[in-house]
Protein backbone atom coordinates (compact mmCIF):
# COMPACT_ATOMS: atom_id res chain seq x y z
CA MET A 1 -6.49 -25.27 2.57
CA MET A 2 -4.91 -22.08 1.24
CA SER A 3 -8.04 -21.18 -0.77
CA GLU A 4 -10.17 -21.86 2.31
CA ARG A 5 -8.08 -19.35 4.28
CA LEU A 6 -8.52 -16.62 1.66
CA SER A 7 -12.23 -16.91 0.96
CA SER A 8 -14.70 -14.50 2.53
CA THR A 9 -17.40 -17.14 1.89
CA ASN A 10 -15.69 -19.28 4.55
CA ARG A 11 -15.24 -16.60 7.20
CA SER A 12 -17.10 -18.12 10.17
CA HIS A 13 -15.43 -21.51 9.75
CA LEU A 14 -11.99 -19.91 9.55
CA LEU A 15 -12.58 -17.84 12.69
CA GLN A 16 -13.51 -21.00 14.59
CA LYS A 17 -10.33 -22.74 13.42
CA ILE A 18 -8.17 -19.76 14.43
CA LYS A 19 -9.50 -19.70 17.99
CA GLN A 20 -8.70 -23.41 18.46
CA HIS A 21 -4.95 -22.86 18.02
CA GLU A 22 -2.22 -21.44 20.18
CA PHE A 23 0.05 -19.82 17.61
CA ASP A 24 3.75 -19.10 17.87
CA LEU A 25 2.97 -15.57 16.66
CA LEU A 26 -0.07 -13.32 16.45
CA ILE A 27 0.26 -10.06 14.51
CA ILE A 28 -2.14 -7.18 15.06
CA GLY A 29 -2.33 -5.03 11.94
CA GLY A 30 -2.94 -5.97 8.31
CA GLY A 31 -1.03 -3.21 6.58
CA ILE A 32 2.24 -3.74 4.74
CA THR A 33 4.26 -3.95 7.97
CA GLY A 34 2.10 -6.69 9.47
CA ALA A 35 1.87 -8.47 6.12
CA GLY A 36 5.65 -8.51 5.78
CA ILE A 37 6.07 -9.89 9.30
CA ALA A 38 3.49 -12.61 8.62
CA LEU A 39 5.31 -13.72 5.48
CA ASP A 40 8.74 -13.67 7.09
CA ALA A 41 7.58 -15.58 10.16
CA ALA A 42 5.47 -18.16 8.33
CA SER A 43 8.21 -18.82 5.77
CA ARG A 44 10.63 -19.55 8.64
CA GLY A 45 8.27 -22.13 10.13
CA MET A 46 6.45 -20.15 12.83
CA SER A 47 2.75 -20.90 13.21
CA THR A 48 1.38 -17.45 12.45
CA ALA A 49 -1.92 -15.59 12.61
CA LEU A 50 -2.72 -12.00 11.64
CA ILE A 51 -5.78 -9.91 12.43
CA GLU A 52 -6.86 -6.53 11.05
CA MET A 53 -9.74 -4.46 12.45
CA GLN A 54 -10.61 -2.99 9.04
CA ASP A 55 -9.91 -4.46 5.62
CA PHE A 56 -6.34 -5.37 4.79
CA ALA A 57 -4.35 -2.26 3.76
CA ALA A 58 -7.30 -0.02 4.66
CA GLY A 59 -5.12 2.35 6.67
CA THR A 60 -1.82 3.87 5.62
CA SER A 61 -0.99 1.00 3.25
CA SER A 62 -3.58 1.98 0.65
CA ARG A 63 -3.12 5.74 1.06
CA SER A 64 0.52 6.36 0.15
CA THR A 65 2.00 8.08 -2.91
CA LYS A 66 2.17 4.57 -4.39
CA LEU A 67 5.90 4.69 -4.98
CA ILE A 68 8.58 2.27 -3.88
CA HIS A 69 10.90 5.16 -3.01
CA GLY A 70 14.66 4.89 -3.23
CA GLY A 71 15.08 7.43 -0.42
CA LEU A 72 16.42 10.42 -2.37
CA ARG A 73 14.88 12.95 0.01
CA TYR A 74 16.84 11.53 2.96
CA LEU A 75 20.12 12.74 1.50
CA LYS A 76 19.20 16.26 2.65
CA LYS A 77 19.11 14.99 6.23
CA PHE A 78 22.35 13.05 5.77
CA GLU A 79 20.55 9.78 6.57
CA LEU A 80 22.94 7.86 4.34
CA GLY A 81 22.26 4.49 5.91
CA LEU A 82 18.53 4.87 5.30
CA VAL A 83 19.14 5.85 1.66
CA SER A 84 21.31 2.80 1.17
CA GLU A 85 18.86 0.41 2.82
CA VAL A 86 15.64 1.52 1.14
CA GLY A 87 17.37 2.00 -2.20
CA ARG A 88 18.59 -1.57 -2.22
CA GLU A 89 15.30 -2.89 -0.84
CA ARG A 90 13.49 -1.20 -3.72
CA ALA A 91 15.16 -3.55 -6.20
CA ILE A 92 14.22 -6.59 -4.07
CA VAL A 93 10.57 -5.54 -3.88
CA TYR A 94 10.55 -5.13 -7.66
CA GLU A 95 12.11 -8.51 -8.41
CA ASN A 96 9.82 -10.36 -6.00
CA GLY A 97 6.66 -8.78 -7.42
CA PRO A 98 7.15 -7.13 -10.83
CA HIS A 99 3.39 -7.27 -11.45
CA VAL A 100 2.75 -4.70 -8.70
CA THR A 101 5.85 -2.54 -9.19
CA THR A 102 6.98 -0.63 -12.30
CA PRO A 103 10.12 1.51 -12.89
CA LEU A 104 9.43 5.02 -14.12
CA ARG A 105 11.65 7.93 -15.11
CA MET A 106 11.23 10.97 -12.90
CA LEU A 107 12.30 14.54 -13.59
CA ILE A 108 13.59 16.86 -10.89
CA PRO A 109 13.54 20.43 -12.26
CA VAL A 110 15.99 22.92 -10.76
CA TYR A 111 14.90 26.56 -10.42
CA LYS A 112 16.86 29.67 -9.57
CA ASN A 113 16.62 30.72 -5.90
CA THR A 114 14.46 27.74 -4.88
CA GLY A 115 16.70 25.30 -3.07
CA LEU A 116 19.49 23.26 -4.62
CA GLY A 117 21.41 24.35 -7.71
CA MET A 118 22.44 22.23 -10.69
CA PHE A 119 25.82 21.17 -9.27
CA THR A 120 24.43 20.17 -5.89
CA THR A 121 21.52 18.32 -7.53
CA SER A 122 23.93 16.45 -9.80
CA MET A 123 26.18 15.45 -6.92
CA GLY A 124 23.18 14.42 -4.83
CA LEU A 125 21.76 12.21 -7.57
CA ARG A 126 25.14 10.57 -8.17
CA LEU A 127 25.59 9.90 -4.46
CA TYR A 128 22.08 8.49 -4.40
CA ASP A 129 22.91 6.13 -7.28
CA PHE A 130 26.00 4.93 -5.40
CA LEU A 131 24.36 4.46 -2.00
CA ALA A 132 21.22 2.82 -3.38
CA GLY A 133 23.11 0.48 -5.70
CA VAL A 134 21.15 1.70 -8.70
CA LYS A 135 21.47 -0.45 -11.83
CA LYS A 136 23.60 1.01 -14.63
CA ASN A 137 20.67 1.50 -17.02
CA GLU A 138 18.71 3.37 -14.33
CA ARG A 139 21.37 5.83 -13.17
CA CYS A 140 20.72 9.55 -13.13
CA ARG A 141 21.22 12.01 -15.97
CA MET A 142 21.40 15.80 -15.97
CA PHE A 143 19.82 18.10 -18.57
CA ARG A 144 20.07 21.72 -19.62
CA LYS A 145 16.99 23.96 -19.57
CA GLU A 146 16.20 23.36 -23.25
CA GLU A 147 16.44 19.59 -22.81
CA MET A 148 14.15 19.67 -19.79
CA LEU A 149 11.54 21.59 -21.75
CA THR A 150 11.78 19.06 -24.56
CA LEU A 151 11.17 16.26 -22.09
CA GLU A 152 8.32 18.11 -20.36
CA PRO A 153 7.20 21.14 -22.43
CA LYS A 154 4.62 22.36 -19.91
CA LEU A 155 7.12 23.01 -17.11
CA ASN A 156 7.39 26.58 -15.86
CA LYS A 157 10.16 28.19 -17.96
CA HIS A 158 10.70 31.15 -15.63
CA GLY A 159 13.86 30.66 -13.58
CA LEU A 160 14.36 27.10 -14.83
CA LEU A 161 18.08 26.23 -14.85
CA GLY A 162 17.80 22.63 -16.00
CA GLY A 163 17.28 19.46 -14.05
CA GLY A 164 17.93 15.79 -13.55
CA MET A 165 16.29 12.47 -14.25
CA PHE A 166 16.34 9.45 -11.97
CA VAL A 167 14.33 6.26 -11.65
CA GLU A 168 11.66 5.59 -9.04
CA TYR A 169 9.35 2.58 -8.85
CA ARG A 170 5.59 3.06 -9.03
CA SER A 171 3.52 0.51 -7.15
CA ASP A 172 0.00 -0.37 -6.11
CA ASP A 173 0.39 -0.23 -2.35
CA ALA A 174 -2.86 -2.03 -1.47
CA ARG A 175 -2.30 -4.84 -3.95
CA LEU A 176 1.32 -5.20 -2.81
CA THR A 177 0.07 -5.67 0.75
CA ILE A 178 -2.57 -8.19 -0.29
CA GLU A 179 -0.11 -10.18 -2.43
CA VAL A 180 2.33 -10.37 0.50
CA LEU A 181 -0.48 -11.60 2.76
CA LYS A 182 -1.53 -14.22 0.20
CA GLU A 183 2.04 -15.48 0.05
CA ALA A 184 2.10 -15.67 3.86
CA VAL A 185 -1.05 -17.82 3.71
CA SER A 186 0.64 -20.13 1.19
CA HIS A 187 3.29 -20.74 3.89
CA GLY A 188 0.64 -21.64 6.48
CA ALA A 189 -0.41 -18.31 8.01
CA PHE A 190 -3.99 -17.61 9.05
CA ILE A 191 -5.28 -14.10 8.34
CA MET A 192 -8.54 -12.37 9.20
CA ASN A 193 -9.80 -8.89 8.30
CA TYR A 194 -12.55 -7.03 10.18
CA ALA A 195 -11.30 -8.64 13.40
CA LYS A 196 -10.64 -6.01 16.06
CA ALA A 197 -8.36 -6.64 19.03
CA THR A 198 -10.33 -5.20 21.94
CA ASP A 199 -7.97 -6.14 24.79
CA PHE A 200 -5.01 -8.29 25.70
CA ILE A 201 -5.02 -11.56 27.64
CA TYR A 202 -2.24 -12.02 30.20
CA GLN A 203 -0.78 -15.04 31.97
CA ASN A 204 1.75 -14.47 34.75
CA ASN A 205 2.00 -10.81 33.68
CA ARG A 206 2.99 -11.83 30.14
CA VAL A 207 0.78 -11.09 27.15
CA SER A 208 -0.58 -14.41 25.86
CA GLY A 209 -3.49 -13.56 23.59
CA VAL A 210 -6.16 -11.08 22.57
CA TYR A 211 -9.91 -10.74 22.72
CA ILE A 212 -11.30 -10.18 19.23
CA GLU A 213 -14.59 -8.73 18.08
CA ASP A 214 -15.69 -9.62 14.54
CA GLN A 215 -16.68 -6.30 13.03
CA LEU A 216 -19.08 -7.93 10.55
CA ASP A 217 -21.22 -10.11 12.81
CA GLY A 218 -20.28 -9.05 16.37
CA GLN A 219 -18.92 -12.48 17.33
CA MET A 220 -16.37 -12.44 20.19
CA VAL A 221 -13.47 -14.89 20.24
CA GLU A 222 -10.08 -15.32 21.92
CA ILE A 223 -6.81 -15.99 20.12
CA HIS A 224 -3.78 -17.23 22.02
CA ALA A 225 -0.14 -16.95 20.97
CA LYS A 226 3.30 -17.28 22.49
CA LYS A 227 4.39 -13.95 20.97
CA ILE A 228 2.30 -10.94 19.92
CA VAL A 229 3.43 -8.17 17.59
CA ASN A 230 1.72 -4.80 17.49
CA ALA A 231 2.04 -3.60 13.88
CA ALA A 232 -1.08 -1.45 13.92
CA GLY A 233 0.36 1.62 12.18
CA PRO A 234 -1.41 4.79 13.40
CA TRP A 235 -3.04 2.72 16.17
CA VAL A 236 0.24 1.40 17.62
CA ASP A 237 0.08 3.77 20.59
CA GLN A 238 -3.53 2.81 21.38
CA LEU A 239 -2.48 -0.80 21.78
CA ARG A 240 0.56 0.21 23.82
CA GLU A 241 -1.82 2.11 26.11
CA LYS A 242 -3.92 -1.05 26.57
CA ASP A 243 -0.69 -2.85 27.47
CA ARG A 244 0.23 -0.01 29.88
CA SER A 245 3.53 0.36 28.06
CA LEU A 246 3.15 3.74 26.32
CA VAL A 247 6.27 5.33 27.75
CA ASP A 248 9.14 7.30 26.26
CA LYS A 249 8.70 7.60 22.49
CA HIS A 250 5.29 7.95 20.91
CA LEU A 251 3.78 8.48 17.47
CA TYR A 252 3.45 11.75 15.61
CA LEU A 253 0.71 11.50 12.99
CA THR A 254 0.84 13.44 9.75
CA LYS A 255 -1.56 13.58 6.84
CA GLY A 256 -0.73 13.36 3.17
CA ILE A 257 -3.21 13.95 0.36
CA HIS A 258 -3.34 13.19 -3.36
CA LEU A 259 -5.50 14.54 -6.17
CA VAL A 260 -6.31 12.70 -9.41
CA PHE A 261 -6.89 14.36 -12.79
CA ASP A 262 -7.61 12.99 -16.24
CA GLN A 263 -4.71 13.35 -18.67
CA SER A 264 -6.99 15.34 -20.96
CA VAL A 265 -6.78 18.22 -18.46
CA PHE A 266 -3.35 17.41 -16.98
CA PRO A 267 -1.22 15.91 -19.77
CA LEU A 268 2.15 14.75 -18.51
CA GLN A 269 4.92 12.88 -20.31
CA HIS A 270 7.13 12.18 -17.28
CA SER A 271 6.77 12.02 -13.52
CA VAL A 272 8.01 15.13 -11.72
CA TYR A 273 9.56 15.48 -8.26
CA PHE A 274 9.46 18.99 -6.80
CA ASP A 275 10.42 20.48 -3.44
CA THR A 276 8.19 23.42 -2.54
CA PRO A 277 9.64 26.63 -1.05
CA ASP A 278 8.23 25.62 2.36
CA GLY A 279 10.11 22.31 2.29
CA ARG A 280 7.39 19.85 1.32
CA MET A 281 7.88 17.15 -1.28
CA VAL A 282 5.38 17.12 -4.17
CA LEU A 283 5.21 14.32 -6.72
CA ILE A 284 3.26 14.51 -9.98
CA ILE A 285 2.83 11.10 -11.61
CA PRO A 286 1.11 9.87 -14.81
CA ARG A 287 -0.73 6.57 -14.45
CA ASP A 288 -3.06 4.75 -16.86
CA GLY A 289 -4.52 7.85 -18.50
CA LYS A 290 -4.60 9.86 -15.26
CA THR A 291 -2.21 12.19 -13.45
CA TYR A 292 -2.07 12.23 -9.67
CA VAL A 293 -0.43 14.82 -7.43
CA GLY A 294 0.60 14.62 -3.79
CA THR A 295 1.35 15.27 -1.00
CA THR A 296 1.07 17.83 1.78
CA ASP A 297 2.53 16.27 4.95
CA THR A 298 0.79 18.22 7.73
CA PRO A 299 0.25 17.42 11.45
CA TYR A 300 -2.93 15.43 11.99
CA LYS A 301 -5.18 14.91 15.02
CA GLY A 302 -8.46 13.95 13.34
CA ASP A 303 -10.26 10.67 12.66
CA VAL A 304 -7.44 8.19 12.05
CA ALA A 305 -9.65 5.66 10.27
CA ASN A 306 -11.24 8.18 7.91
CA PRO A 307 -8.89 11.05 7.05
CA ARG A 308 -10.32 13.46 4.49
CA ILE A 309 -9.01 16.05 2.05
CA THR A 310 -9.86 19.57 3.17
CA VAL A 311 -10.34 22.62 1.00
CA SER A 312 -7.06 24.06 2.29
CA ASP A 313 -5.24 20.79 1.44
CA ARG A 314 -6.73 20.84 -2.04
CA ASP A 315 -5.96 24.51 -2.66
CA TYR A 316 -2.35 24.07 -1.50
CA LEU A 317 -1.74 21.40 -4.13
CA ILE A 318 -3.56 23.30 -6.85
CA ASN A 319 -1.43 26.37 -6.14
CA THR A 320 1.68 24.18 -6.32
CA ILE A 321 0.52 22.86 -9.70
CA HIS A 322 0.04 26.46 -10.87
CA TYR A 323 3.60 27.24 -9.85
CA ILE A 324 5.29 24.45 -11.74
CA PHE A 325 2.78 24.12 -14.61
CA PRO A 326 1.42 27.68 -14.93
CA ASN A 327 -0.12 27.25 -18.37
CA LEU A 328 -2.42 24.37 -17.52
CA ASN A 329 -4.91 26.47 -15.50
CA ILE A 330 -5.90 23.49 -13.33
CA GLN A 331 -8.96 24.21 -11.17
CA ALA A 332 -10.77 22.40 -8.36
CA HIS A 333 -13.56 21.27 -10.69
CA ASP A 334 -10.96 19.36 -12.74
CA ILE A 335 -10.33 16.93 -9.87
CA GLU A 336 -11.80 13.48 -10.53
CA SER A 337 -10.97 11.85 -7.19
CA GLY A 338 -8.40 11.86 -4.43
CA TRP A 339 -7.35 10.31 -1.17
CA ALA A 340 -5.92 11.20 2.21
CA GLY A 341 -3.70 9.05 4.40
CA VAL A 342 -2.26 9.18 7.90
CA ARG A 343 1.43 8.46 8.40
CA PRO A 344 2.62 7.19 11.78
CA LEU A 345 6.01 8.79 12.36
CA ILE A 346 8.01 8.56 15.58
CA HIS A 347 7.92 11.88 17.43
CA GLU A 348 11.08 13.94 17.47
CA ALA A 349 10.99 17.10 19.58
CA SER A 350 11.27 20.42 17.74
CA LYS A 351 10.99 18.84 14.27
CA GLY A 352 8.21 19.53 11.76
CA PRO A 353 6.39 16.85 9.73
CA SER A 354 8.75 17.02 6.75
CA GLU A 355 11.85 16.90 8.97
CA ILE A 356 11.02 13.80 11.01
CA SER A 357 12.97 10.67 10.13
CA ARG A 358 11.14 7.78 8.47
CA LYS A 359 13.26 5.24 10.36
CA ASP A 360 11.45 2.37 12.05
CA GLU A 361 11.87 1.40 15.69
CA ILE A 362 11.00 -1.75 17.66
CA TRP A 363 9.99 -1.77 21.32
CA THR A 364 9.42 -4.75 23.62
CA SER A 365 7.27 -4.02 26.67
CA PRO A 366 7.63 -5.65 30.12
CA SER A 367 4.70 -7.91 29.20
CA GLY A 368 6.51 -9.13 26.09
CA LEU A 369 4.40 -7.19 23.57
CA VAL A 370 6.58 -6.29 20.58
CA SER A 371 5.61 -3.05 18.82
CA ILE A 372 6.99 -1.63 15.59
CA ALA A 373 6.39 1.88 14.29
CA GLY A 374 7.77 4.28 11.70
CA GLY A 375 9.40 3.06 8.54
CA LYS A 376 8.33 3.18 4.91
CA LEU A 377 6.49 1.06 2.37
CA THR A 378 9.78 0.39 0.56
CA GLY A 379 11.44 -1.06 3.63
CA TYR A 380 8.65 -3.41 4.68
CA ARG A 381 10.64 -6.61 4.03
CA LYS A 382 13.67 -5.44 6.01
CA MET A 383 11.46 -4.19 8.85
CA ALA A 384 9.83 -7.62 8.99
CA GLU A 385 13.21 -9.32 9.08
CA LYS A 386 14.28 -7.19 12.06
CA VAL A 387 11.08 -7.98 13.98
CA VAL A 388 11.19 -11.71 13.31
CA ASP A 389 14.91 -11.85 14.18
CA THR A 390 13.96 -10.30 17.54
CA LEU A 391 11.31 -12.99 18.03
CA VAL A 392 13.65 -15.81 17.00
CA LYS A 393 16.20 -14.71 19.61
CA ALA A 394 13.48 -14.54 22.28
CA PHE A 395 12.17 -18.02 21.42
CA TYR A 396 15.65 -19.50 21.62
CA LYS A 397 16.45 -17.75 24.91
CA GLU A 398 13.17 -18.76 26.55
CA THR A 399 12.57 -22.25 25.13
CA GLY A 400 15.57 -23.35 23.09
CA VAL A 401 13.38 -23.53 19.98
CA THR A 402 15.10 -22.44 16.76
CA PHE A 403 13.77 -21.20 13.44
CA SER A 404 15.42 -20.83 10.05
CA PRO A 405 17.04 -17.56 8.90
CA CYS A 406 15.09 -15.00 6.86
CA ARG A 407 14.07 -16.33 3.42
CA THR A 408 12.21 -13.40 1.90
CA LYS A 409 15.03 -11.67 0.02
CA GLN A 410 14.57 -13.98 -2.95
CA LEU A 411 11.03 -15.17 -2.28
CA PRO A 412 8.46 -14.05 -4.88
CA ILE A 413 5.22 -12.77 -3.42
CA SER A 414 1.87 -14.11 -4.61
CA GLY A 415 1.56 -13.40 -8.33
CA GLY A 416 5.30 -12.80 -8.61
CA SER A 417 6.34 -16.22 -9.94
CA VAL A 418 7.07 -14.92 -13.43
CA GLY A 419 10.83 -15.43 -13.53
CA GLY A 420 11.67 -11.98 -12.19
CA SER A 421 11.35 -8.61 -13.87
CA GLN A 422 13.54 -9.68 -16.81
CA TYR A 423 11.06 -12.33 -17.93
CA PHE A 424 7.78 -10.63 -17.00
CA PRO A 425 7.25 -9.10 -20.49
CA ALA A 426 7.60 -12.56 -22.07
CA PHE A 427 5.19 -13.97 -19.47
CA ILE A 428 2.65 -11.29 -20.41
CA GLU A 429 2.96 -12.14 -24.11
CA ARG A 430 2.36 -15.85 -23.44
CA LYS A 431 -0.70 -15.20 -21.33
CA LEU A 432 -2.18 -12.64 -23.75
CA SER A 433 -3.01 -15.35 -26.28
CA GLN A 434 -4.94 -17.29 -23.64
CA GLY A 435 -6.92 -14.20 -22.78
CA LEU A 436 -7.79 -13.62 -26.42
CA GLU A 437 -9.00 -17.23 -26.72
CA LEU A 438 -11.34 -16.60 -23.78
CA GLY A 439 -12.87 -13.65 -25.63
CA LEU A 440 -11.04 -10.78 -23.94
CA ASP A 441 -9.76 -7.91 -26.02
CA LYS A 442 -6.01 -7.32 -25.93
CA ASP A 443 -6.16 -4.28 -23.62
CA ALA A 444 -8.37 -6.05 -21.07
CA ALA A 445 -6.17 -9.15 -21.08
CA TYR A 446 -3.02 -7.04 -20.66
CA ARG A 447 -4.49 -5.13 -17.71
CA LEU A 448 -5.46 -8.37 -15.93
CA ILE A 449 -2.08 -10.05 -16.48
CA LYS A 450 -0.21 -6.94 -15.34
CA LYS A 451 -2.37 -6.70 -12.22
CA TYR A 452 -2.46 -10.35 -11.15
CA GLY A 453 0.84 -11.67 -12.49
CA SER A 454 1.19 -15.44 -12.19
CA ASN A 455 -2.25 -15.62 -10.53
CA ILE A 456 -3.84 -14.84 -13.91
CA ASN A 457 -4.43 -18.58 -14.35
CA ASP A 458 -6.95 -18.48 -11.49
CA LEU A 459 -8.89 -15.69 -13.19
CA TYR A 460 -8.80 -17.46 -16.54
CA GLU A 461 -10.19 -20.58 -14.86
CA ILE A 462 -13.06 -18.55 -13.37
CA MET A 463 -13.83 -17.16 -16.84
CA GLU A 464 -13.77 -20.59 -18.49
CA ARG A 465 -16.13 -22.13 -15.94
CA ASN A 466 -18.54 -19.26 -15.45
CA LYS A 467 -19.34 -17.65 -18.82
CA THR A 468 -23.07 -18.30 -18.40
CA GLU A 469 -23.07 -16.92 -14.84
CA ALA A 470 -21.12 -13.85 -15.98
CA GLU A 471 -23.70 -13.12 -18.67
CA ALA A 472 -26.51 -13.50 -16.13
CA SER A 473 -24.76 -11.06 -13.77
CA LYS A 474 -24.75 -8.38 -16.53
CA LEU A 475 -21.05 -7.85 -15.92
CA PRO A 476 -18.23 -8.05 -18.48
CA LEU A 477 -16.44 -11.39 -18.24
CA GLU A 478 -13.19 -9.87 -16.91
CA LEU A 479 -15.02 -7.85 -14.25
CA TYR A 480 -17.07 -10.86 -13.17
CA ALA A 481 -13.86 -12.86 -12.78
CA GLN A 482 -12.22 -10.15 -10.68
CA VAL A 483 -15.20 -9.93 -8.30
CA ILE A 484 -15.30 -13.70 -7.79
CA TYR A 485 -11.52 -13.89 -7.41
CA SER A 486 -11.48 -11.07 -4.85
CA MET A 487 -14.02 -12.92 -2.67
CA THR A 488 -12.59 -16.44 -3.02
CA LYS A 489 -8.83 -15.75 -3.15
CA GLU A 490 -8.35 -12.27 -1.64
CA TYR A 491 -10.80 -12.10 1.27
CA ALA A 492 -12.87 -9.18 -0.07
CA CYS A 493 -15.94 -8.83 2.16
CA THR A 494 -17.58 -5.60 0.95
CA PRO A 495 -18.00 -3.61 -2.29
CA VAL A 496 -15.58 -0.97 -0.95
CA ASP A 497 -12.98 -3.70 -0.42
CA PHE A 498 -13.30 -4.59 -4.09
CA PHE A 499 -13.53 -1.17 -5.70
CA LEU A 500 -10.98 0.59 -3.48
CA ARG A 501 -8.31 -1.91 -2.43
CA ARG A 502 -8.60 -4.98 -4.72
CA THR A 503 -8.77 -2.94 -7.95
CA GLY A 504 -7.89 0.69 -7.10
CA ALA A 505 -10.77 1.76 -9.33
CA MET A 506 -12.19 4.10 -6.70
CA LEU A 507 -9.06 6.21 -7.08
CA PHE A 508 -8.30 6.03 -10.79
CA GLN A 509 -11.56 4.96 -12.49
CA ILE A 510 -14.29 6.63 -10.48
CA GLU A 511 -16.78 6.75 -13.38
CA TRP A 512 -16.23 3.03 -13.98
CA VAL A 513 -17.11 2.42 -10.33
CA LYS A 514 -20.33 4.37 -10.70
CA LYS A 515 -21.22 2.42 -13.85
CA TRP A 516 -20.76 -1.06 -12.40
CA LYS A 517 -21.48 -0.60 -8.69
CA THR A 518 -25.04 -2.00 -8.75
CA PRO A 519 -24.36 -5.31 -10.57
CA VAL A 520 -21.19 -5.81 -8.49
CA ILE A 521 -23.19 -5.38 -5.27
CA GLU A 522 -25.79 -7.82 -6.59
CA LEU A 523 -23.16 -10.42 -7.40
CA MET A 524 -21.42 -10.08 -4.02
CA SER A 525 -24.77 -10.25 -2.23
CA LYS A 526 -25.65 -13.48 -4.02
CA GLN A 527 -22.27 -15.09 -3.37
CA LEU A 528 -22.00 -14.05 0.29
CA GLY A 529 -25.68 -14.51 1.22
CA TRP A 530 -26.44 -10.98 2.36
CA SER A 531 -29.84 -10.02 3.67
CA SER A 532 -31.64 -7.11 2.02
CA GLU A 533 -30.66 -4.94 5.01
CA THR A 534 -26.97 -5.88 4.70
CA LYS A 535 -27.02 -5.26 0.97
CA GLU A 536 -28.50 -1.79 1.52
CA GLN A 537 -25.93 -1.09 4.24
CA TYR A 538 -23.08 -1.86 1.83
CA HIS A 539 -24.73 0.17 -0.90
CA VAL A 540 -24.80 3.21 1.42
CA GLU A 541 -21.21 2.55 2.50
CA LEU A 542 -20.09 2.51 -1.12
CA GLU A 543 -21.94 5.74 -1.91
CA ASN A 544 -20.36 7.40 1.11
CA GLN A 545 -16.92 6.23 0.00
CA ILE A 546 -17.45 7.67 -3.49
CA GLU A 547 -18.39 10.97 -1.87
CA HIS A 548 -15.25 10.85 0.31
CA GLN A 549 -13.06 10.30 -2.75
CA THR A 550 -14.58 13.16 -4.72
CA ALA A 551 -15.38 15.99 -2.27
CA ALA A 552 -13.23 18.17 -0.02
CA LEU A 553 -14.21 19.15 3.53
CA GLU A 554 -14.31 22.79 4.56
CA THR A 555 -12.54 21.98 7.85
CA GLU A 556 -10.82 18.99 9.44
CA ILE A 557 -13.06 16.60 11.36
């Protein structure tokens, strides 16, 4: 049944089954917040459904800096509780899914007359280690100027006093979201992408369901639930408006952007954290032969579903790169790809984008609609726990029904059943030999195991059974397996779903996307039964997405 609920080849049947139920809980929003709530609720025994109007993680949850932050920046605002919470949550996220999260050492250079000095930086990092409960082998270190230049020779030497090193956790935000959703399905949840909530259904002035329009075939259905959670990210206020409950606090949207370069033009040995003179946080991170740089953090009032990088955004980051790495001579034509994302913060009067707290808040409207906004990727599990605790109390008060306490603190997500981070390297070694026996080279096998974790067995099974079909598709065996897996076990419905959110290739392997796009579209078309018109529509959509990832707009749309 789990496979049936995750296969895009079974979409119509699944939608019919969903509309026949009255669920305990319906979640609107398939980003990391909604995914976390679905897992928490389903693992406690609530009958749970989740709908997303785009693809899963298509909004903010595939457009972040792709770090499981420990909350260092919040020390400046004296948000000590937030630092402590997200710092400790970071370790939990890592242990429950080490295949989608990786520790990395990050440098924080200290310059004369640009913010904090060496002593203050040292004290801040040590306080951070204490509050966040950082493991002994990951605690901060401080370095003199000469040591910093040994660690990262291309840093700007002028005014450099020295710096520190601390550990952050790099992640794949979209895959983290999808793995959490898959784990929710394994506990009984129903999930559906491309299902837009168009309006609420009420009974006795209480919200009791939603009208849904299938964005792929136009089908209209109703879903009924005892409780409904609005976890729609940047669209939270739009749903609150439909519920006539948009009062008091509202969202403040900001945009962050990231640029990707090949390491041949932007060689980097360590990640670098840097606060600009105007108070923005910039991160420069090496990843799989690339270096990506972000972010800007500016007010945003444009198209929420399709934010774009503008020329001014791009030039701001390039100028920042010139400041901290003046000898690299990075230019706009060196950019391979990039992405923009909208962040739904909770409005605070008189504060700018970089000053607004990243705390989450929960509101319950007179109709019973529960909305959650704010928060961070790192804190998704704790946010979910707070929401589901709120629901559990309401169920008990209204009906006497009880549910179990939160179970997710030590619950591996899909792909995470590898024995924890300590045993993941040994797991990889064991599975490498199987990959080699299937005909994969060592690098390809390693990449697949690292990406899919304990789900690698499913991909290996696809390879074993479909070698002839893979050859006929003109795709490499490992790519064929990923396409099939994404459709049958990860609900990928379109080529953009696959190239952007199931693999991340649109961001970090854009030439690879261009090379394999046609045979991938052909394979998906065959498996999903597309008409020639639908296949052409998805071809155009993919080409447009490639253009969005590689070109900057002159002005904001």
